[in-house]
Amino acid sequence: MLRWTVTFIILAIIAGIFGFSGIAAGAASIAKVLFFIFLVLFVISLITGRTKV
């Protein structure tokens, strides 16, 4: 999921450079949402944790 976030951030930067502000804003908002979902899932996995037996 973090890979998708980085992909959308790069897409937003490239679109911003070329002047496509609508596409850049959309890609940046998608990247923000994916990043926060990643953070929530990461924290949940840290809390639950797996122990090897």
PDB file of N, CA and C in Angstrom:
ATOM      1  N   MET A   1       0.825  -1.181   0.000  1.00  0.00           N
ATOM      2  CA  MET A   1       0.000   0.000   0.000  1.00  0.00           C
ATOM      3  C   MET A   1       0.876   1.253   0.000  1.00  0.00           C
ATOM      4  N   LEU A   2       1.987   1.169   0.663  1.00  0.00           N
ATOM      5  CA  LEU A   2       2.899   2.306   0.676  1.00  0.00           C
ATOM      6  C   LEU A   2       3.460   2.562  -0.722  1.00  0.00           C
ATOM      7  N   ARG A   3       3.620   1.510  -1.492  1.00  0.00           N
ATOM      8  CA  ARG A   3       4.089   1.659  -2.868  1.00  0.00           C
ATOM      9  C   ARG A   3       3.089   2.450  -3.707  1.00  0.00           C
ATOM     10  N   TRP A   4       1.787   2.208  -3.513  1.00  0.00           N
ATOM     11  CA  TRP A   4       0.766   2.966  -4.229  1.00  0.00           C
ATOM     12  C   TRP A   4       0.789   4.434  -3.830  1.00  0.00           C
ATOM     13  N   THR A   5       1.033   4.689  -2.546  1.00  0.00           N
ATOM     14  CA  THR A   5       1.114   6.063  -2.068  1.00  0.00           C
ATOM     15  C   THR A   5       2.253   6.802  -2.762  1.00  0.00           C
ATOM     16  N   VAL A   6       3.408   6.166  -2.829  1.00  0.00           N
ATOM     17  CA  VAL A   6       4.555   6.789  -3.487  1.00  0.00           C
ATOM     18  C   VAL A   6       4.269   7.001  -4.969  1.00  0.00           C
ATOM     19  N   THR A   7       3.595   6.046  -5.611  1.00  0.00           N
ATOM     20  CA  THR A   7       3.249   6.184  -7.018  1.00  0.00           C
ATOM     21  C   THR A   7       2.359   7.391  -7.254  1.00  0.00           C
ATOM     22  N   PHE A   8       1.338   7.568  -6.422  1.00  0.00           N
ATOM     23  CA  PHE A   8       0.435   8.696  -6.600  1.00  0.00           C
ATOM     24  C   PHE A   8       1.116  10.026  -6.268  1.00  0.00           C
ATOM     25  N   ILE A   9       2.036  10.037  -5.308  1.00  0.00           N
ATOM     26  CA  ILE A   9       2.776  11.257  -5.006  1.00  0.00           C
ATOM     27  C   ILE A   9       3.641  11.658  -6.204  1.00  0.00           C
ATOM     28  N   ILE A  10       4.318  10.695  -6.797  1.00  0.00           N
ATOM     29  CA  ILE A  10       5.148  10.982  -7.971  1.00  0.00           C
ATOM     30  C   ILE A  10       4.279  11.463  -9.124  1.00  0.00           C
ATOM     31  N   LEU A  11       3.132  10.833  -9.321  1.00  0.00           N
ATOM     32  CA  LEU A  11       2.201  11.263 -10.355  1.00  0.00           C
ATOM     33  C   LEU A  11       1.729  12.692 -10.104  1.00  0.00           C
ATOM     34  N   ALA A  12       1.456  13.036  -8.859  1.00  0.00           N
ATOM     35  CA  ALA A  12       1.017  14.386  -8.522  1.00  0.00           C
ATOM     36  C   ALA A  12       2.119  15.406  -8.781  1.00  0.00           C
ATOM     37  N   ILE A  13       3.355  15.055  -8.463  1.00  0.00           N
ATOM     38  CA  ILE A  13       4.471  15.975  -8.709  1.00  0.00           C
ATOM     39  C   ILE A  13       4.679  16.198 -10.200  1.00  0.00           C
ATOM     40  N   ILE A  14       4.641  15.134 -10.974  1.00  0.00           N
ATOM     41  CA  ILE A  14       4.822  15.258 -12.424  1.00  0.00           C
ATOM     42  C   ILE A  14       3.680  16.053 -13.046  1.00  0.00           C
ATOM     43  N   ALA A  15       2.456  15.780 -12.619  1.00  0.00           N
ATOM     44  CA  ALA A  15       1.313  16.523 -13.147  1.00  0.00           C
ATOM     45  C   ALA A  15       1.388  17.996 -12.742  1.00  0.00           C
ATOM     46  N   GLY A  16       1.874  18.272 -11.553  1.00  0.00           N
ATOM     47  CA  GLY A  16       2.028  19.656 -11.117  1.00  0.00           C
ATOM     48  C   GLY A  16       3.078  20.396 -11.919  1.00  0.00           C
ATOM     49  N   ILE A  17       4.150  19.704 -12.261  1.00  0.00           N
ATOM     50  CA  ILE A  17       5.210  20.327 -13.062  1.00  0.00           C
ATOM     51  C   ILE A  17       4.690  20.703 -14.443  1.00  0.00           C
ATOM     52  N   PHE A  18       3.879  19.841 -15.024  1.00  0.00           N
ATOM     53  CA  PHE A  18       3.372  20.101 -16.366  1.00  0.00           C
ATOM     54  C   PHE A  18       2.116  20.970 -16.380  1.00  0.00           C
ATOM     55  N   GLY A  19       1.633  21.367 -15.208  1.00  0.00           N
ATOM     56  CA  GLY A  19       0.526  22.318 -15.149  1.00  0.00           C
ATOM     57  C   GLY A  19      -0.861  21.704 -15.112  1.00  0.00           C
ATOM     58  N   PHE A  20      -0.963  20.417 -14.893  1.00  0.00           N
ATOM     59  CA  PHE A  20      -2.272  19.776 -14.780  1.00  0.00           C
ATOM     60  C   PHE A  20      -2.696  19.816 -13.313  1.00  0.00           C
ATOM     61  N   SER A  21      -3.210  20.948 -12.880  1.00  0.00           N
ATOM     62  CA  SER A  21      -3.488  21.132 -11.452  1.00  0.00           C
ATOM     63  C   SER A  21      -4.612  20.217 -10.954  1.00  0.00           C
ATOM     64  N   GLY A  22      -5.614  19.955 -11.773  1.00  0.00           N
ATOM     65  CA  GLY A  22      -6.704  19.075 -11.359  1.00  0.00           C
ATOM     66  C   GLY A  22      -6.239  17.657 -11.134  1.00  0.00           C
ATOM     67  N   ILE A  23      -5.424  17.160 -12.046  1.00  0.00           N
ATOM     68  CA  ILE A  23      -4.897  15.805 -11.913  1.00  0.00           C
ATOM     69  C   ILE A  23      -3.944  15.722 -10.724  1.00  0.00           C
ATOM     70  N   ALA A  24      -3.135  16.757 -10.544  1.00  0.00           N
ATOM     71  CA  ALA A  24      -2.188  16.772  -9.430  1.00  0.00           C
ATOM     72  C   ALA A  24      -2.923  16.769  -8.095  1.00  0.00           C
ATOM     73  N   ALA A  25      -3.981  17.547  -7.995  1.00  0.00           N
ATOM     74  CA  ALA A  25      -4.751  17.595  -6.745  1.00  0.00           C
ATOM     75  C   ALA A  25      -5.428  16.258  -6.473  1.00  0.00           C
ATOM     76  N   GLY A  26      -5.971  15.642  -7.506  1.00  0.00           N
ATOM     77  CA  GLY A  26      -6.612  14.339  -7.339  1.00  0.00           C
ATOM     78  C   GLY A  26      -5.633  13.267  -6.914  1.00  0.00           C
ATOM     79  N   ALA A  27      -4.473  13.230  -7.550  1.00  0.00           N
ATOM     80  CA  ALA A  27      -3.463  12.228  -7.200  1.00  0.00           C
ATOM     81  C   ALA A  27      -2.928  12.458  -5.792  1.00  0.00           C
ATOM     82  N   ALA A  28      -2.766  13.712  -5.409  1.00  0.00           N
ATOM     83  CA  ALA A  28      -2.270  14.007  -4.063  1.00  0.00           C
ATOM     84  C   ALA A  28      -3.284  13.606  -3.003  1.00  0.00           C
ATOM     85  N   SER A  29      -4.571  13.824  -3.272  1.00  0.00           N
ATOM     86  CA  SER A  29      -5.583  13.436  -2.281  1.00  0.00           C
ATOM     87  C   SER A  29      -5.688  11.917  -2.172  1.00  0.00           C
ATOM     88  N   ILE A  30      -5.558  11.212  -3.273  1.00  0.00           N
ATOM     89  CA  ILE A  30      -5.561   9.749  -3.229  1.00  0.00           C
ATOM     90  C   ILE A  30      -4.352   9.253  -2.444  1.00  0.00           C
ATOM     91  N   ALA A  31      -3.193   9.875  -2.667  1.00  0.00           N
ATOM     92  CA  ALA A  31      -1.983   9.476  -1.948  1.00  0.00           C
ATOM     93  C   ALA A  31      -2.134   9.713  -0.450  1.00  0.00           C
ATOM     94  N   LYS A  32      -2.777  10.816  -0.068  1.00  0.00           N
ATOM     95  CA  LYS A  32      -2.995  11.093   1.357  1.00  0.00           C
ATOM     96  C   LYS A  32      -3.873  10.028   1.995  1.00  0.00           C
ATOM     97  N   VAL A  33      -4.957   9.680   1.318  1.00  0.00           N
ATOM     98  CA  VAL A  33      -5.878   8.679   1.852  1.00  0.00           C
ATOM     99  C   VAL A  33      -5.170   7.330   2.000  1.00  0.00           C
ATOM    100  N   LEU A  34      -4.441   6.921   0.969  1.00  0.00           N
ATOM    101  CA  LEU A  34      -3.730   5.641   1.033  1.00  0.00           C
ATOM    102  C   LEU A  34      -2.670   5.639   2.126  1.00  0.00           C
ATOM    103  N   PHE A  35      -2.006   6.780   2.330  1.00  0.00           N
ATOM    104  CA  PHE A  35      -0.990   6.852   3.370  1.00  0.00           C
ATOM    105  C   PHE A  35      -1.607   6.704   4.753  1.00  0.00           C
ATOM    106  N   PHE A  36      -2.748   7.350   4.991  1.00  0.00           N
ATOM    107  CA  PHE A  36      -3.386   7.233   6.296  1.00  0.00           C
ATOM    108  C   PHE A  36      -3.935   5.821   6.529  1.00  0.00           C
ATOM    109  N   ILE A  37      -4.439   5.177   5.482  1.00  0.00           N
ATOM    110  CA  ILE A  37      -4.876   3.787   5.613  1.00  0.00           C
ATOM    111  C   ILE A  37      -3.685   2.901   5.959  1.00  0.00           C
ATOM    112  N   PHE A  38      -2.545   3.155   5.292  1.00  0.00           N
ATOM    113  CA  PHE A  38      -1.331   2.402   5.593  1.00  0.00           C
ATOM    114  C   PHE A  38      -0.918   2.595   7.049  1.00  0.00           C
ATOM    115  N   LEU A  39      -0.952   3.841   7.531  1.00  0.00           N
ATOM    116  CA  LEU A  39      -0.571   4.103   8.917  1.00  0.00           C
ATOM    117  C   LEU A  39      -1.472   3.374   9.906  1.00  0.00           C
ATOM    118  N   VAL A  40      -2.775   3.391   9.654  1.00  0.00           N
ATOM    119  CA  VAL A  40      -3.718   2.722  10.544  1.00  0.00           C
ATOM    120  C   VAL A  40      -3.451   1.217  10.562  1.00  0.00           C
ATOM    121  N   LEU A  41      -3.267   0.626   9.393  1.00  0.00           N
ATOM    122  CA  LEU A  41      -2.996  -0.808   9.332  1.00  0.00           C
ATOM    123  C   LEU A  41      -1.658  -1.154   9.984  1.00  0.00           C
ATOM    124  N   PHE A  42      -0.664  -0.277   9.835  1.00  0.00           N
ATOM    125  CA  PHE A  42       0.634  -0.503  10.454  1.00  0.00           C
ATOM    126  C   PHE A  42       0.537  -0.472  11.976  1.00  0.00           C
ATOM    127  N   VAL A  43      -0.192   0.494  12.512  1.00  0.00           N
ATOM    128  CA  VAL A  43      -0.356   0.595  13.965  1.00  0.00           C
ATOM    129  C   VAL A  43      -1.125  -0.609  14.497  1.00  0.00           C
ATOM    130  N   ILE A  44      -2.155  -1.022  13.782  1.00  0.00           N
ATOM    131  CA  ILE A  44      -2.921  -2.199  14.203  1.00  0.00           C
ATOM    132  C   ILE A  44      -2.028  -3.439  14.215  1.00  0.00           C
ATOM    133  N   SER A  45      -1.185  -3.568  13.196  1.00  0.00           N
ATOM    134  CA  SER A  45      -0.299  -4.740  13.166  1.00  0.00           C
ATOM    135  C   SER A  45       0.747  -4.677  14.278  1.00  0.00           C
ATOM    136  N   LEU A  46       1.171  -3.480  14.653  1.00  0.00           N
ATOM    137  CA  LEU A  46       2.105  -3.362  15.775  1.00  0.00           C
ATOM    138  C   LEU A  46       1.440  -3.733  17.091  1.00  0.00           C
ATOM    139  N   ILE A  47       0.191  -3.330  17.258  1.00  0.00           N
ATOM    140  CA  ILE A  47      -0.523  -3.606  18.505  1.00  0.00           C
ATOM    141  C   ILE A  47      -0.819  -5.093  18.636  1.00  0.00           C
ATOM    142  N   THR A  48      -1.362  -5.687  17.592  1.00  0.00           N
ATOM    143  CA  THR A  48      -1.717  -7.106  17.661  1.00  0.00           C
ATOM    144  C   THR A  48      -0.473  -7.976  17.655  1.00  0.00           C
ATOM    145  N   GLY A  49       0.468  -7.687  16.774  1.00  0.00           N
ATOM    146  CA  GLY A  49       1.737  -8.389  16.721  1.00  0.00           C
ATOM    147  C   GLY A  49       1.625  -9.891  16.605  1.00  0.00           C
ATOM    148  N   ARG A  50       2.583 -10.475  15.956  1.00  0.00           N
ATOM    149  CA  ARG A  50       2.642 -11.939  15.863  1.00  0.00           C
ATOM    150  C   ARG A  50       3.834 -12.420  16.667  1.00  0.00           C
ATOM    151  N   THR A  51       3.610 -13.463  17.407  1.00  0.00           N
ATOM    152  CA  THR A  51       4.713 -14.063  18.152  1.00  0.00           C
ATOM    153  C   THR A  51       5.010 -15.420  17.531  1.00  0.00           C
ATOM    154  N   LYS A  52       6.286 -15.661  17.284  1.00  0.00           N
ATOM    155  CA  LYS A  52       6.687 -16.956  16.727  1.00  0.00           C
ATOM    156  C   LYS A  52       6.849 -17.944  17.857  1.00  0.00           C
ATOM    157  N   VAL A  53       6.340 -19.137  17.628  1.00  0.00           N
ATOM    158  CA  VAL A  53       6.404 -20.171  18.658  1.00  0.00           C
ATOM    159  C   VAL A  53       7.480 -21.163  18.316  1.00  0.00           C
TER     160      VAL A  53
END
